[in-house]
Structure formats: C-alpha cells, structure tokens
Amino acid sequence: MIKVGIIGCGRIGQVHAISVAKNPACTLAAVFDPGTEQARTVADAYGCSVAGSAEALMHSADVDLVVIASPTDAHEAQFLGAARAGKAVFGEKPIDNNLARAHATVRALREIGAPVMLGFNRRFDRDHATLQAEVRAGRIGRVQSLQLASRGPNSVPSLKYLQASGGFYRDKCVHFLDLIRWISGEEPVEVVAMGSVLADRSVAEAHDVDTAAIVVRLASGALAHIDNARRAAYGYDDRIEVFGTAGVIESRRLHRGNVMRITAEGVQLDALPANSFERYGDSYAAALNAFVVKLQGAEVDIPGIEDGLMAQVMAEAATLSAREGRIVAIAEIMASLGIPARL
C-alpha cells in the first residue's frame, strides 16, 4: 500500500484526494494546507492526519508519495524538499514559473534521482490516449497537422489568480503544448503566437489575454495549431484532430450525456461539461494510477520533469512571440537560458 500525502487542499488538491481514495493501491496518510480549516475538511472526509507544515509532511515516515497541489510559487521548494526527503513526487505544473529556476530544479531533481511525475492529466484521457496510440502506430500515415481546441469554462479566473499564473501561454496553453509533443513524438522547432482580450476586459488588468492562437512547427515540418480561450459561454470545449497522409483521427468534444432529441423545432444534444474537472475527471485518477503502477515496477509512460520543462520552453517561446510579434525558435529560448539542445 502506497501512503500518500497531499500538500495543498484547494480545488485541485481535493480532486487528488478523490483519486487517492479511488485507488486500491493507495491510502491518504496526511494532508497540509496553510488554510487549516481546508486541510481539516479534507482530513475528516478521508480519515487522515493534518501535518503541521509542508516540511513535516515531506519528512513523515507515514508518507511514501507526496502530491504537490500548492500555489505555483511554492512548487520549486516542495519538489526539491520532497525528493530530498526520499519521497516519490507527483506535482502539478509548472515546476516554477521562472524558466531558469525550473531548469535548475530539473537538474537538481535528476541528481537526487527520486521518481517524479508532472500532472499533465490530459495525456490520460481515454480518447486522447487512443488518438495518440493510433498516430504513433502510423494509422493515419505521416502527420501533416494537428488541431487542438480548448475553450472555457464559462467563468473568469480572479485577478489574484491571473497575476500569479504566469500568463495565458504558461498557464492554460501549456497543457496543449505538452500534448503536441506527446501525440506527435516530435520536438518543436519554431513557435508563433497571437493573443487578444475579447471576452472579459478584466483580464487586461493582469496584462494577460483571454483568446489566443499558437502555431508550432515540428522537426518533421508538421504544423500544430492551438485554438485556446479562457471562457466559452456554452461550457468546456476540448477536442483534438490529427491530419495525416493516410487519413484523419479525432478526439471529439464530449457532452454530459449521449442523448439526441429530434423534434419539429430541431435537433437538441446534451450540453457540454461545465468545467475541466467535469470534462477530465477520470483522467486525474488515471494519471495518479499510472504513477502508482510505475512505482510498483511496471513499464509505464508518464510525463516526467523533462516533459514539464519542454512544455515550459514552448510556452516561453509563445509568450515572447506574442509580445514581440515574431516567430521564435525553440533554440533561441534554450540558448538564452543556457539550456542544452538535449534536455
């Protein structure tokens, strides 16, 4: 039985607590959150203890695996602290909002040698995983283009969240930048991005955007396009299409149900999920389970620290492209920070 400790008992921490409770190979041993009441609520729900600090949880003999679900500014110290304490680490992205610090953290984690997984849960969505496997198996021939769309949910993050998030490209878009590499099996070469504030003027107060388009050129010459928006009035809309020389494959948008109603007034389908947790609920549990199975000795493909860093490199290139209005080479970002071409 793998004993799990969770640092951060906000929305995503609670999602991870549910995943731990669902997993027969895990037990939730301890939680910590600076908001003691939040931590106590989670502890009472799952019958675990509340640690006195993040450090106490990391060093507890009752914890084998630390889940880091805390605010981004705490990630670097907690990734390193948990790894140095000899724990396996399942951490939410990013490793750190500053790319240079993220790279230094990745190097340190390599030296420590602790097992680490980044929480790119969309890789573990059933339909996305099927699409990736078929693309990698050559079912649609040589990949020519990828189209990734993510719009929603129908809400706007708080100004406090936006100011701490690192910006749209580093925050929401980074999941899809990771998917491009995972689906194609290729490394990015160039990135160009544009963004606007169109739906919610309040986003401009954080010097951010709410609507963006990113194009990535891959090493083979294949092109990937991300259509991303913070808010969609109709729900949470995520889908992927890959076009190749022998066909096309789609991971389509999901609805809350699969009922179609046809009347004289027209055709009505069930609505889309309200948010990413409803859309990707099962993928959070599947991601944790993949890490657990790997810790038990199985050969499982998981997003590691290098994957997290490369997604951040791509996001940095997109941020710079949007700011300066030009195509940005991935090599430029890596060279400017002293990051070698091969991570």
Foldseek 3Di string as FASTA:
>chain_A
DAEEEEEDQPDVSLLLLVLQVPDPVYAHAEYEYPPVVSRVVSCVVRVYYYDPDLLRQLQDPRHAEYEYPDAQQCQLVSVLSNLLSVHEYEYEDDSHLDLLSLVVSVVSSVVSVHHYFYPLLVCQDPLLVVLLVCVVVQVQHQWAEKEKEKADQADDDDLVCLLRQSADLRHVVLSVLLSVCSSNVFAWWKKAKAFAADPDPVSVVSVYGFWMKMWTQTPVRHIYIYTYGHYDPQAIAIKMKIHHPRGIDIDGFDAPDADWDQDPVGIDDHTGHNDPCSRSSVSSSSLVVQVVVVVVPDDGDGHGSVSSSSSSLNSVQHVVNNVVVDMGTSVVSCVVSVHDPPD
